Amino acid sequence: MDDTFHTQHIEPVKTIRLREDERSRLRANILEHAEKNPLLGELGTQRILSPFTFWSWEGTLIGTRVSYTLALALITLLAGGGTVSASERALPGDLLYAIKVHVSEPLQGAFNFTAGEQAAWESEKAERRLEEAETLATLGQLTPNTREELEKRVAENLHAFARFTHVLVDTTPAENNDAAYAHVKLTATINAHSKILERVQDHTKQEQKVEVKRLELDVRQKADGIHSTSRVQLSTEPFDEKEKKVSTLIEKTRKSFEVENKTPQPKLSEEILVDTHSTLLNAEQALIEAHIIRTEGDPENAYSSLLNSERAAEEAAISLAQVAKRGKKLTGRED
């Protein structure tokens, strides 16, 4: 390339920068468009294909997803990586919360290509909203408006979760098992956070107690509705395989519990640990019952008891993870 042309035309372009007001305006416009035109929520009823199918008609969905990802990457660039990272700690009402729910989370979700991955991500987002509610209530900042916003977002997550798990049901028995496990994990998540919310109520003022209870009841009702209308069949995973998985989860959770139980905890975390211990005992008892019932020649009830053990074990693990998160926040070790 001619050096003169490069000096006169290319180099000056490199020095062009958007003013801060221009960056802010562009950011706001893109965020507003993202909020009014959500894409990822519409993908639940469609099959997600391999990213190598760009040039076929079947690759249209992937192309759309990639285009959306690139748009989100542009927002990230405009907002600044530090801003997007900081938004992960934002709560409803914070300036960065829009970045969190309209940029950071969609960008993370854009890389989930299977229905199973997407169902798990929707469940995780619902859990994030419950964590936010717990934090706001603890701070005395859970207002009727923020409660309603969180309820709305959780409802959207649960409906998307249902669509993705229905996609799994229509494929193979193995993927139906994935859907069944996703429902177990979601039930465990709702149960764990319902108990945490009940504990949070005991440490808040009366007006907060009312908002916390309303949110807890609303989320549980919507989750029950998702399960009652689900077409997901019970898992057909062999008893011995599932029993081994559940036993391993219980053992791992028991060891983690012992570590957290020996660590000095604030009052609320101590109370969560009491509930976690009770749930863990239920998981162990159900596992023992499953083994006994099976030896008595009743495989159907044995498997049902095994699933109860799995749900309780998952719930205990989730509750314990919340205690660990709270500990990191208090000691400044939060990632």
C-alpha atoms as a PDB file:
ATOM      1  CA  MET A   1       0.000   0.000   0.000  1.00  0.00           C
ATOM      2  CA  ASP A   2       1.253   3.496  -0.830  1.00  0.00           C
ATOM      3  CA  ASP A   3       2.832   5.095   2.269  1.00  0.00           C
ATOM      4  CA  THR A   4       1.404   8.516   1.462  1.00  0.00           C
ATOM      5  CA  PHE A   5      -2.129   7.172   1.216  1.00  0.00           C
ATOM      6  CA  HIS A   6      -1.661   5.294   4.463  1.00  0.00           C
ATOM      7  CA  THR A   7      -0.362   8.394   6.248  1.00  0.00           C
ATOM      8  CA  GLN A   8      -3.021  10.721   4.899  1.00  0.00           C
ATOM      9  CA  HIS A   9      -6.081   8.487   5.083  1.00  0.00           C
ATOM     10  CA  ILE A  10      -5.578   5.425   7.289  1.00  0.00           C
ATOM     11  CA  GLU A  11      -3.685   6.830  10.255  1.00  0.00           C
ATOM     12  CA  PRO A  12      -6.163   9.668  10.919  1.00  0.00           C
ATOM     13  CA  VAL A  13      -9.014   7.139  11.094  1.00  0.00           C
ATOM     14  CA  LYS A  14      -7.279   5.354  13.966  1.00  0.00           C
ATOM     15  CA  THR A  15      -7.440   8.498  16.079  1.00  0.00           C
ATOM     16  CA  ILE A  16     -11.220   8.929  15.764  1.00  0.00           C
ATOM     17  CA  ARG A  17     -12.961   8.430  19.120  1.00  0.00           C
ATOM     18  CA  LEU A  18     -16.569   8.760  20.206  1.00  0.00           C
ATOM     19  CA  ARG A  19     -17.187  11.431  22.803  1.00  0.00           C
ATOM     20  CA  GLU A  20     -18.527  10.176  26.136  1.00  0.00           C
ATOM     21  CA  ASP A  21     -21.972  11.638  25.446  1.00  0.00           C
ATOM     22  CA  GLU A  22     -22.011   9.883  22.046  1.00  0.00           C
ATOM     23  CA  ARG A  23     -20.985   6.578  23.674  1.00  0.00           C
ATOM     24  CA  SER A  24     -23.693   6.979  26.317  1.00  0.00           C
ATOM     25  CA  ARG A  25     -26.339   7.778  23.720  1.00  0.00           C
ATOM     26  CA  LEU A  26     -25.376   4.782  21.564  1.00  0.00           C
ATOM     27  CA  ARG A  27     -25.318   2.508  24.616  1.00  0.00           C
ATOM     28  CA  ALA A  28     -28.771   3.653  25.674  1.00  0.00           C
ATOM     29  CA  ASN A  29     -30.218   3.174  22.189  1.00  0.00           C
ATOM     30  CA  ILE A  30     -28.884  -0.378  21.852  1.00  0.00           C
ATOM     31  CA  LEU A  31     -30.022  -1.334  25.360  1.00  0.00           C
ATOM     32  CA  GLU A  32     -33.485   0.038  24.677  1.00  0.00           C
ATOM     33  CA  HIS A  33     -33.662  -2.014  21.478  1.00  0.00           C
ATOM     34  CA  ALA A  34     -32.447  -5.134  23.305  1.00  0.00           C
ATOM     35  CA  GLU A  35     -35.114  -4.729  25.974  1.00  0.00           C
ATOM     36  CA  LYS A  36     -37.936  -4.187  23.465  1.00  0.00           C
ATOM     37  CA  ASN A  37     -36.777  -6.962  21.107  1.00  0.00           C
ATOM     38  CA  PRO A  38     -35.627  -9.932  23.212  1.00  0.00           C
ATOM     39  CA  LEU A  39     -34.262 -12.693  21.014  1.00  0.00           C
ATOM     40  CA  LEU A  40     -33.124 -15.468  23.275  1.00  0.00           C
ATOM     41  CA  GLY A  41     -36.548 -15.914  24.868  1.00  0.00           C
ATOM     42  CA  GLU A  42     -37.996 -16.799  21.470  1.00  0.00           C
ATOM     43  CA  LEU A  43     -35.621 -19.646  20.765  1.00  0.00           C
ATOM     44  CA  GLY A  44     -37.155 -22.116  23.183  1.00  0.00           C
ATOM     45  CA  THR A  45     -39.458 -23.779  20.687  1.00  0.00           C
ATOM     46  CA  GLN A  46     -36.828 -24.212  17.997  1.00  0.00           C
ATOM     47  CA  ARG A  47     -34.123 -26.777  17.573  1.00  0.00           C
ATOM     48  CA  ILE A  48     -30.630 -25.344  18.094  1.00  0.00           C
ATOM     49  CA  LEU A  49     -28.247 -26.633  15.466  1.00  0.00           C
ATOM     50  CA  SER A  50     -24.526 -27.021  15.078  1.00  0.00           C
ATOM     51  CA  PRO A  51     -22.585 -23.794  14.432  1.00  0.00           C
ATOM     52  CA  PHE A  52     -21.151 -25.519  11.334  1.00  0.00           C
ATOM     53  CA  THR A  53     -24.473 -25.240   9.489  1.00  0.00           C
ATOM     54  CA  PHE A  54     -24.098 -21.583   8.540  1.00  0.00           C
ATOM     55  CA  TRP A  55     -24.591 -22.124   4.810  1.00  0.00           C
ATOM     56  CA  SER A  56     -27.765 -24.217   4.940  1.00  0.00           C
ATOM     57  CA  TRP A  57     -31.302 -23.026   5.540  1.00  0.00           C
ATOM     58  CA  GLU A  58     -31.063 -24.816   8.886  1.00  0.00           C
ATOM     59  CA  GLY A  59     -28.229 -22.475   9.820  1.00  0.00           C
ATOM     60  CA  THR A  60     -30.487 -19.433   9.877  1.00  0.00           C
ATOM     61  CA  LEU A  61     -31.147 -19.739  13.600  1.00  0.00           C
ATOM     62  CA  ILE A  62     -27.456 -20.021  14.383  1.00  0.00           C
ATOM     63  CA  GLY A  63     -26.750 -17.067  12.140  1.00  0.00           C
ATOM     64  CA  THR A  64     -29.314 -15.039  14.040  1.00  0.00           C
ATOM     65  CA  ARG A  65     -27.797 -16.073  17.350  1.00  0.00           C
ATOM     66  CA  VAL A  66     -24.285 -15.172  16.201  1.00  0.00           C
ATOM     67  CA  SER A  67     -25.497 -11.814  14.889  1.00  0.00           C
ATOM     68  CA  TYR A  68     -27.083 -11.131  18.253  1.00  0.00           C
ATOM     69  CA  THR A  69     -23.880 -12.171  20.012  1.00  0.00           C
ATOM     70  CA  LEU A  70     -21.885  -9.764  17.853  1.00  0.00           C
ATOM     71  CA  ALA A  71     -24.326  -6.979  18.709  1.00  0.00           C
ATOM     72  CA  LEU A  72     -23.895  -7.749  22.388  1.00  0.00           C
ATOM     73  CA  ALA A  73     -20.135  -7.741  21.936  1.00  0.00           C
ATOM     74  CA  LEU A  74     -20.478  -4.237  20.466  1.00  0.00           C
ATOM     75  CA  ILE A  75     -22.414  -3.132  23.538  1.00  0.00           C
ATOM     76  CA  THR A  76     -19.709  -4.647  25.736  1.00  0.00           C
ATOM     77  CA  LEU A  77     -17.081  -2.685  23.826  1.00  0.00           C
ATOM     78  CA  LEU A  78     -19.052   0.549  24.167  1.00  0.00           C
ATOM     79  CA  ALA A  79     -19.817  -0.001  27.827  1.00  0.00           C
ATOM     80  CA  GLY A  80     -16.309  -1.104  28.680  1.00  0.00           C
ATOM     81  CA  GLY A  81     -15.337  -4.543  29.972  1.00  0.00           C
ATOM     82  CA  GLY A  82     -15.085  -3.258  33.540  1.00  0.00           C
ATOM     83  CA  THR A  83     -18.623  -1.919  33.402  1.00  0.00           C
ATOM     84  CA  VAL A  84     -20.047  -5.236  32.211  1.00  0.00           C
ATOM     85  CA  SER A  85     -18.069  -7.122  34.852  1.00  0.00           C
ATOM     86  CA  ALA A  86     -19.208  -4.752  37.603  1.00  0.00           C
ATOM     87  CA  SER A  87     -22.816  -5.147  36.471  1.00  0.00           C
ATOM     88  CA  GLU A  88     -22.773  -8.780  37.667  1.00  0.00           C
ATOM     89  CA  ARG A  89     -23.092  -7.454  41.220  1.00  0.00           C
ATOM     90  CA  ALA A  90     -25.881  -5.008  40.346  1.00  0.00           C
ATOM     91  CA  LEU A  91     -29.337  -5.235  41.915  1.00  0.00           C
ATOM     92  CA  PRO A  92     -32.729  -4.049  40.621  1.00  0.00           C
ATOM     93  CA  GLY A  93     -32.747  -0.277  40.913  1.00  0.00           C
ATOM     94  CA  ASP A  94     -28.993   0.045  40.306  1.00  0.00           C
ATOM     95  CA  LEU A  95     -27.765   1.918  37.243  1.00  0.00           C
ATOM     96  CA  LEU A  96     -25.853  -1.120  36.001  1.00  0.00           C
ATOM     97  CA  TYR A  97     -28.747  -3.571  36.362  1.00  0.00           C
ATOM     98  CA  ALA A  98     -29.869  -3.002  32.759  1.00  0.00           C
ATOM     99  CA  ILE A  99     -26.358  -3.947  31.592  1.00  0.00           C
ATOM    100  CA  LYS A 100     -26.561  -7.098  33.701  1.00  0.00           C
ATOM    101  CA  VAL A 101     -29.903  -8.407  32.403  1.00  0.00           C
ATOM    102  CA  HIS A 102     -29.802  -7.059  28.832  1.00  0.00           C
ATOM    103  CA  VAL A 103     -26.105  -7.426  27.982  1.00  0.00           C
ATOM    104  CA  SER A 104     -24.076  -9.602  30.325  1.00  0.00           C
ATOM    105  CA  GLU A 105     -26.577 -12.434  30.795  1.00  0.00           C
ATOM    106  CA  PRO A 106     -27.724 -12.624  27.141  1.00  0.00           C
ATOM    107  CA  LEU A 107     -24.078 -12.691  26.108  1.00  0.00           C
ATOM    108  CA  GLN A 108     -23.450 -15.638  28.441  1.00  0.00           C
ATOM    109  CA  GLY A 109     -26.601 -17.384  27.249  1.00  0.00           C
ATOM    110  CA  ALA A 110     -25.709 -16.928  23.583  1.00  0.00           C
ATOM    111  CA  PHE A 111     -23.089 -19.666  23.911  1.00  0.00           C
ATOM    112  CA  ASN A 112     -25.557 -22.321  25.085  1.00  0.00           C
ATOM    113  CA  PHE A 113     -26.388 -24.262  21.920  1.00  0.00           C
ATOM    114  CA  THR A 114     -28.320 -27.272  23.224  1.00  0.00           C
ATOM    115  CA  ALA A 115     -31.788 -27.271  24.751  1.00  0.00           C
ATOM    116  CA  GLY A 116     -30.356 -28.854  27.898  1.00  0.00           C
ATOM    117  CA  GLU A 117     -27.796 -26.091  28.307  1.00  0.00           C
ATOM    118  CA  GLN A 118     -30.423 -23.436  27.701  1.00  0.00           C
ATOM    119  CA  ALA A 119     -32.837 -24.976  30.236  1.00  0.00           C
ATOM    120  CA  ALA A 120     -30.057 -25.022  32.838  1.00  0.00           C
ATOM    121  CA  TRP A 121     -29.237 -21.369  32.063  1.00  0.00           C
ATOM    122  CA  GLU A 122     -32.874 -20.301  32.490  1.00  0.00           C
ATOM    123  CA  SER A 123     -32.968 -22.115  35.836  1.00  0.00           C
ATOM    124  CA  GLU A 124     -29.755 -20.367  36.871  1.00  0.00           C
ATOM    125  CA  LYS A 125     -31.152 -16.962  35.908  1.00  0.00           C
ATOM    126  CA  ALA A 126     -34.249 -17.641  38.014  1.00  0.00           C
ATOM    127  CA  GLU A 127     -31.940 -18.459  40.917  1.00  0.00           C
ATOM    128  CA  ARG A 128     -30.041 -15.205  40.338  1.00  0.00           C
ATOM    129  CA  ARG A 129     -33.275 -13.253  40.647  1.00  0.00           C
ATOM    130  CA  LEU A 130     -34.078 -15.037  43.923  1.00  0.00           C
ATOM    131  CA  GLU A 131     -30.605 -14.229  45.229  1.00  0.00           C
ATOM    132  CA  GLU A 132     -31.206 -10.591  44.332  1.00  0.00           C
ATOM    133  CA  ALA A 133     -34.495 -10.641  46.239  1.00  0.00           C
ATOM    134  CA  GLU A 134     -32.763 -12.095  49.293  1.00  0.00           C
ATOM    135  CA  THR A 135     -30.045  -9.439  49.157  1.00  0.00           C
ATOM    136  CA  LEU A 136     -32.529  -6.595  48.703  1.00  0.00           C
ATOM    137  CA  ALA A 137     -34.672  -7.855  51.597  1.00  0.00           C
ATOM    138  CA  THR A 138     -31.621  -8.163  53.824  1.00  0.00           C
ATOM    139  CA  LEU A 139     -30.730  -4.548  52.979  1.00  0.00           C
ATOM    140  CA  GLY A 140     -34.329  -3.435  53.568  1.00  0.00           C
ATOM    141  CA  GLN A 141     -34.685  -2.432  49.908  1.00  0.00           C
ATOM    142  CA  LEU A 142     -37.214  -4.938  48.523  1.00  0.00           C
ATOM    143  CA  THR A 143     -39.974  -2.579  47.401  1.00  0.00           C
ATOM    144  CA  PRO A 144     -43.270  -3.577  45.747  1.00  0.00           C
ATOM    145  CA  ASN A 145     -41.865  -2.397  42.399  1.00  0.00           C
ATOM    146  CA  THR A 146     -38.643  -4.416  42.635  1.00  0.00           C
ATOM    147  CA  ARG A 147     -40.579  -7.448  43.863  1.00  0.00           C
ATOM    148  CA  GLU A 148     -42.912  -7.250  40.864  1.00  0.00           C
ATOM    149  CA  GLU A 149     -39.969  -6.831  38.498  1.00  0.00           C
ATOM    150  CA  LEU A 150     -38.241  -9.888  39.947  1.00  0.00           C
ATOM    151  CA  GLU A 151     -41.450 -11.930  39.826  1.00  0.00           C
ATOM    152  CA  LYS A 152     -41.872 -11.010  36.164  1.00  0.00           C
ATOM    153  CA  ARG A 153     -38.312 -11.995  35.294  1.00  0.00           C
ATOM    154  CA  VAL A 154     -38.548 -15.294  37.167  1.00  0.00           C
ATOM    155  CA  ALA A 155     -41.815 -16.073  35.359  1.00  0.00           C
ATOM    156  CA  GLU A 156     -40.094 -15.442  32.014  1.00  0.00           C
ATOM    157  CA  ASN A 157     -37.228 -17.741  33.024  1.00  0.00           C
ATOM    158  CA  LEU A 158     -39.611 -20.503  34.101  1.00  0.00           C
ATOM    159  CA  HIS A 159     -41.612 -20.343  30.866  1.00  0.00           C
ATOM    160  CA  ALA A 160     -38.420 -20.455  28.807  1.00  0.00           C
ATOM    161  CA  PHE A 161     -37.236 -23.388  30.943  1.00  0.00           C
ATOM    162  CA  ALA A 162     -40.469 -25.242  30.142  1.00  0.00           C
ATOM    163  CA  ARG A 163     -40.057 -24.673  26.397  1.00  0.00           C
ATOM    164  CA  PHE A 164     -36.489 -25.948  26.388  1.00  0.00           C
ATOM    165  CA  THR A 165     -37.303 -29.072  28.412  1.00  0.00           C
ATOM    166  CA  HIS A 166     -40.248 -29.807  26.077  1.00  0.00           C
ATOM    167  CA  VAL A 167     -37.744 -29.777  23.197  1.00  0.00           C
ATOM    168  CA  LEU A 168     -35.761 -32.481  25.010  1.00  0.00           C
ATOM    169  CA  VAL A 169     -38.856 -34.636  25.526  1.00  0.00           C
ATOM    170  CA  ASP A 170     -39.460 -34.745  21.778  1.00  0.00           C
ATOM    171  CA  THR A 171     -36.007 -36.175  21.018  1.00  0.00           C
ATOM    172  CA  THR A 172     -34.405 -39.237  22.650  1.00  0.00           C
ATOM    173  CA  PRO A 173     -34.888 -41.128  25.952  1.00  0.00           C
ATOM    174  CA  ALA A 174     -31.456 -39.925  27.079  1.00  0.00           C
ATOM    175  CA  GLU A 175     -32.466 -36.312  26.508  1.00  0.00           C
ATOM    176  CA  ASN A 176     -35.756 -36.914  28.313  1.00  0.00           C
ATOM    177  CA  ASN A 177     -33.596 -38.003  31.252  1.00  0.00           C
ATOM    178  CA  ASP A 178     -31.750 -34.685  30.955  1.00  0.00           C
ATOM    179  CA  ALA A 179     -35.099 -32.892  31.073  1.00  0.00           C
ATOM    180  CA  ALA A 180     -36.174 -34.929  34.103  1.00  0.00           C
ATOM    181  CA  TYR A 181     -32.965 -34.010  35.916  1.00  0.00           C
ATOM    182  CA  ALA A 182     -33.449 -30.343  34.963  1.00  0.00           C
ATOM    183  CA  HIS A 183     -36.860 -30.452  36.662  1.00  0.00           C
ATOM    184  CA  VAL A 184     -35.322 -32.075  39.746  1.00  0.00           C
ATOM    185  CA  LYS A 185     -32.688 -29.333  39.877  1.00  0.00           C
ATOM    186  CA  LEU A 186     -35.287 -26.583  39.420  1.00  0.00           C
ATOM    187  CA  THR A 187     -37.462 -28.023  42.206  1.00  0.00           C
ATOM    188  CA  ALA A 188     -34.412 -28.184  44.470  1.00  0.00           C
ATOM    189  CA  THR A 189     -33.534 -24.579  43.617  1.00  0.00           C
ATOM    190  CA  ILE A 190     -37.025 -23.271  44.392  1.00  0.00           C
ATOM    191  CA  ASN A 191     -37.203 -25.287  47.633  1.00  0.00           C
ATOM    192  CA  ALA A 192     -33.780 -24.116  48.800  1.00  0.00           C
ATOM    193  CA  HIS A 193     -34.471 -20.453  48.147  1.00  0.00           C
ATOM    194  CA  SER A 194     -37.971 -20.655  49.615  1.00  0.00           C
ATOM    195  CA  LYS A 195     -36.427 -21.759  52.901  1.00  0.00           C
ATOM    196  CA  ILE A 196     -33.748 -19.055  52.673  1.00  0.00           C
ATOM    197  CA  LEU A 197     -36.411 -16.424  52.004  1.00  0.00           C
ATOM    198  CA  GLU A 198     -38.325 -17.634  55.071  1.00  0.00           C
ATOM    199  CA  ARG A 199     -35.169 -17.207  57.137  1.00  0.00           C
ATOM    200  CA  VAL A 200     -34.572 -13.754  55.645  1.00  0.00           C
ATOM    201  CA  GLN A 201     -38.079 -12.735  56.742  1.00  0.00           C
ATOM    202  CA  ASP A 202     -37.109 -13.326  60.365  1.00  0.00           C
ATOM    203  CA  HIS A 203     -34.342 -10.726  60.060  1.00  0.00           C
ATOM    204  CA  THR A 204     -36.259  -7.944  58.274  1.00  0.00           C
ATOM    205  CA  LYS A 205     -38.804  -5.273  59.140  1.00  0.00           C
ATOM    206  CA  GLN A 206     -42.520  -5.913  58.777  1.00  0.00           C
ATOM    207  CA  GLU A 207     -42.899  -4.219  55.368  1.00  0.00           C
ATOM    208  CA  GLN A 208     -40.065  -6.371  54.036  1.00  0.00           C
ATOM    209  CA  LYS A 209     -41.622  -9.531  55.472  1.00  0.00           C
ATOM    210  CA  VAL A 210     -44.763  -8.883  53.419  1.00  0.00           C
ATOM    211  CA  GLU A 211     -42.836  -8.389  50.153  1.00  0.00           C
ATOM    212  CA  VAL A 212     -40.629 -11.427  50.761  1.00  0.00           C
ATOM    213  CA  LYS A 213     -43.618 -13.661  51.484  1.00  0.00           C
ATOM    214  CA  ARG A 214     -45.477 -12.453  48.403  1.00  0.00           C
ATOM    215  CA  LEU A 215     -42.477 -13.135  46.181  1.00  0.00           C
ATOM    216  CA  GLU A 216     -41.836 -16.564  47.710  1.00  0.00           C
ATOM    217  CA  LEU A 217     -45.463 -17.632  47.223  1.00  0.00           C
ATOM    218  CA  ASP A 218     -45.615 -16.240  43.676  1.00  0.00           C
ATOM    219  CA  VAL A 219     -42.444 -18.027  42.560  1.00  0.00           C
ATOM    220  CA  ARG A 220     -43.456 -21.322  44.157  1.00  0.00           C
ATOM    221  CA  GLN A 221     -46.905 -21.145  42.530  1.00  0.00           C
ATOM    222  CA  LYS A 222     -45.417 -20.493  39.093  1.00  0.00           C
ATOM    223  CA  ALA A 223     -42.861 -23.283  39.519  1.00  0.00           C
ATOM    224  CA  ASP A 224     -45.601 -25.723  40.562  1.00  0.00           C
ATOM    225  CA  GLY A 225     -47.533 -24.712  37.438  1.00  0.00           C
ATOM    226  CA  ILE A 226     -44.521 -25.455  35.233  1.00  0.00           C
ATOM    227  CA  HIS A 227     -44.122 -28.927  36.760  1.00  0.00           C
ATOM    228  CA  SER A 228     -47.835 -29.771  36.599  1.00  0.00           C
ATOM    229  CA  THR A 229     -48.075 -29.005  32.864  1.00  0.00           C
ATOM    230  CA  SER A 230     -44.779 -30.632  31.927  1.00  0.00           C
ATOM    231  CA  ARG A 231     -44.710 -33.529  29.475  1.00  0.00           C
ATOM    232  CA  VAL A 232     -41.372 -34.714  30.851  1.00  0.00           C
ATOM    233  CA  GLN A 233     -41.436 -38.373  31.859  1.00  0.00           C
ATOM    234  CA  LEU A 234     -39.706 -39.785  34.920  1.00  0.00           C
ATOM    235  CA  SER A 235     -36.047 -40.567  34.406  1.00  0.00           C
ATOM    236  CA  THR A 236     -35.313 -44.008  32.981  1.00  0.00           C
ATOM    237  CA  GLU A 237     -31.696 -43.951  34.136  1.00  0.00           C
ATOM    238  CA  PRO A 238     -30.789 -47.368  35.633  1.00  0.00           C
ATOM    239  CA  PHE A 239     -31.289 -47.542  39.409  1.00  0.00           C
ATOM    240  CA  ASP A 240     -27.687 -48.493  40.186  1.00  0.00           C
ATOM    241  CA  GLU A 241     -26.269 -45.615  38.142  1.00  0.00           C
ATOM    242  CA  LYS A 242     -28.534 -43.017  39.717  1.00  0.00           C
ATOM    243  CA  GLU A 243     -28.015 -44.444  43.193  1.00  0.00           C
ATOM    244  CA  LYS A 244     -24.257 -44.070  42.757  1.00  0.00           C
ATOM    245  CA  LYS A 245     -24.616 -40.456  41.557  1.00  0.00           C
ATOM    246  CA  VAL A 246     -26.904 -39.512  44.440  1.00  0.00           C
ATOM    247  CA  SER A 247     -24.649 -41.208  46.978  1.00  0.00           C
ATOM    248  CA  THR A 248     -21.634 -39.317  45.615  1.00  0.00           C
ATOM    249  CA  LEU A 249     -23.515 -36.004  45.758  1.00  0.00           C
ATOM    250  CA  ILE A 250     -24.582 -36.645  49.359  1.00  0.00           C
ATOM    251  CA  GLU A 251     -21.029 -37.515  50.391  1.00  0.00           C
ATOM    252  CA  LYS A 252     -19.606 -34.424  48.678  1.00  0.00           C
ATOM    253  CA  THR A 253     -22.252 -32.157  50.212  1.00  0.00           C
ATOM    254  CA  ARG A 254     -21.703 -33.697  53.657  1.00  0.00           C
ATOM    255  CA  LYS A 255     -17.981 -32.877  53.509  1.00  0.00           C
ATOM    256  CA  SER A 256     -18.673 -29.314  52.373  1.00  0.00           C
ATOM    257  CA  PHE A 257     -21.244 -28.932  55.142  1.00  0.00           C
ATOM    258  CA  GLU A 258     -18.712 -29.967  57.774  1.00  0.00           C
ATOM    259  CA  VAL A 259     -16.296 -27.313  56.507  1.00  0.00           C
ATOM    260  CA  GLU A 260     -18.897 -24.519  56.540  1.00  0.00           C
ATOM    261  CA  ASN A 261     -20.271 -25.657  59.901  1.00  0.00           C
ATOM    262  CA  LYS A 262     -16.824 -25.247  61.486  1.00  0.00           C
ATOM    263  CA  THR A 263     -16.448 -21.757  60.007  1.00  0.00           C
ATOM    264  CA  PRO A 264     -17.742 -18.758  62.011  1.00  0.00           C
ATOM    265  CA  GLN A 265     -20.974 -17.643  60.341  1.00  0.00           C
ATOM    266  CA  PRO A 266     -23.400 -14.713  60.736  1.00  0.00           C
ATOM    267  CA  LYS A 267     -26.740 -15.549  62.337  1.00  0.00           C
ATOM    268  CA  LEU A 268     -28.643 -15.905  59.051  1.00  0.00           C
ATOM    269  CA  SER A 269     -26.064 -18.307  57.586  1.00  0.00           C
ATOM    270  CA  GLU A 270     -26.139 -20.371  60.788  1.00  0.00           C
ATOM    271  CA  GLU A 271     -29.889 -20.750  60.386  1.00  0.00           C
ATOM    272  CA  ILE A 272     -29.512 -21.733  56.718  1.00  0.00           C
ATOM    273  CA  LEU A 273     -26.968 -24.360  57.803  1.00  0.00           C
ATOM    274  CA  VAL A 274     -29.493 -25.804  60.269  1.00  0.00           C
ATOM    275  CA  ASP A 275     -32.011 -26.192  57.434  1.00  0.00           C
ATOM    276  CA  THR A 276     -29.308 -27.615  55.166  1.00  0.00           C
ATOM    277  CA  HIS A 277     -28.384 -30.253  57.736  1.00  0.00           C
ATOM    278  CA  SER A 278     -32.019 -31.306  58.055  1.00  0.00           C
ATOM    279  CA  THR A 279     -32.394 -31.547  54.273  1.00  0.00           C
ATOM    280  CA  LEU A 280     -29.192 -33.560  54.007  1.00  0.00           C
ATOM    281  CA  LEU A 281     -30.475 -36.018  56.618  1.00  0.00           C
ATOM    282  CA  ASN A 282     -33.677 -36.392  54.578  1.00  0.00           C
ATOM    283  CA  ALA A 283     -31.595 -37.167  51.484  1.00  0.00           C
ATOM    284  CA  GLU A 284     -29.621 -39.826  53.336  1.00  0.00           C
ATOM    285  CA  GLN A 285     -32.759 -41.375  54.812  1.00  0.00           C
ATOM    286  CA  ALA A 286     -34.541 -41.496  51.439  1.00  0.00           C
ATOM    287  CA  LEU A 287     -31.478 -43.149  49.886  1.00  0.00           C
ATOM    288  CA  ILE A 288     -31.483 -45.843  52.563  1.00  0.00           C
ATOM    289  CA  GLU A 289     -35.220 -46.384  52.103  1.00  0.00           C
ATOM    290  CA  ALA A 290     -34.779 -46.672  48.327  1.00  0.00           C
ATOM    291  CA  HIS A 291     -32.215 -49.441  48.806  1.00  0.00           C
ATOM    292  CA  ILE A 292     -34.401 -51.326  51.305  1.00  0.00           C
ATOM    293  CA  ILE A 293     -37.568 -51.044  49.193  1.00  0.00           C
ATOM    294  CA  ARG A 294     -35.679 -52.344  46.166  1.00  0.00           C
ATOM    295  CA  THR A 295     -34.474 -55.426  48.033  1.00  0.00           C
ATOM    296  CA  GLU A 296     -38.103 -56.062  49.007  1.00  0.00           C
ATOM    297  CA  GLY A 297     -39.001 -56.318  45.311  1.00  0.00           C
ATOM    298  CA  ASP A 298     -40.782 -53.002  44.728  1.00  0.00           C
ATOM    299  CA  PRO A 299     -38.669 -51.281  42.038  1.00  0.00           C
ATOM    300  CA  GLU A 300     -41.226 -48.536  41.253  1.00  0.00           C
ATOM    301  CA  ASN A 301     -41.464 -47.205  44.812  1.00  0.00           C
ATOM    302  CA  ALA A 302     -37.734 -47.734  45.258  1.00  0.00           C
ATOM    303  CA  TYR A 303     -37.021 -45.458  42.298  1.00  0.00           C
ATOM    304  CA  SER A 304     -39.500 -42.883  43.592  1.00  0.00           C
ATOM    305  CA  SER A 305     -37.677 -42.814  46.917  1.00  0.00           C
ATOM    306  CA  LEU A 306     -34.376 -42.496  45.073  1.00  0.00           C
ATOM    307  CA  LEU A 307     -35.688 -39.425  43.218  1.00  0.00           C
ATOM    308  CA  ASN A 308     -36.762 -37.929  46.556  1.00  0.00           C
ATOM    309  CA  SER A 309     -33.227 -38.457  47.796  1.00  0.00           C
ATOM    310  CA  GLU A 310     -31.822 -36.794  44.685  1.00  0.00           C
ATOM    311  CA  ARG A 311     -34.060 -33.724  45.088  1.00  0.00           C
ATOM    312  CA  ALA A 312     -33.133 -33.347  48.746  1.00  0.00           C
ATOM    313  CA  ALA A 313     -29.427 -33.796  48.034  1.00  0.00           C
ATOM    314  CA  GLU A 314     -29.523 -31.163  45.284  1.00  0.00           C
ATOM    315  CA  GLU A 315     -31.441 -28.805  47.581  1.00  0.00           C
ATOM    316  CA  ALA A 316     -28.852 -29.231  50.333  1.00  0.00           C
ATOM    317  CA  ALA A 317     -26.022 -28.583  47.879  1.00  0.00           C
ATOM    318  CA  ILE A 318     -27.719 -25.396  46.629  1.00  0.00           C
ATOM    319  CA  SER A 319     -28.339 -24.106  50.163  1.00  0.00           C
ATOM    320  CA  LEU A 320     -24.748 -24.815  51.090  1.00  0.00           C
ATOM    321  CA  ALA A 321     -23.517 -22.945  48.015  1.00  0.00           C
ATOM    322  CA  GLN A 322     -25.529 -19.914  49.163  1.00  0.00           C
ATOM    323  CA  VAL A 323     -23.863 -20.026  52.590  1.00  0.00           C
ATOM    324  CA  ALA A 324     -20.468 -20.123  50.877  1.00  0.00           C
ATOM    325  CA  LYS A 325     -21.411 -17.162  48.653  1.00  0.00           C
ATOM    326  CA  ARG A 326     -22.474 -15.135  51.669  1.00  0.00           C
ATOM    327  CA  GLY A 327     -19.188 -15.954  53.356  1.00  0.00           C
ATOM    328  CA  LYS A 328     -17.204 -14.721  50.359  1.00  0.00           C
ATOM    329  CA  LYS A 329     -19.123 -11.439  50.292  1.00  0.00           C
ATOM    330  CA  LEU A 330     -18.527 -10.842  53.987  1.00  0.00           C
ATOM    331  CA  THR A 331     -14.795 -11.576  53.783  1.00  0.00           C
ATOM    332  CA  GLY A 332     -14.222  -9.765  50.507  1.00  0.00           C
ATOM    333  CA  ARG A 333     -13.323 -12.995  48.705  1.00  0.00           C
ATOM    334  CA  GLU A 334     -16.127 -12.699  46.131  1.00  0.00           C
ATOM    335  CA  ASP A 335     -14.917 -13.584  42.639  1.00  0.00           C
END
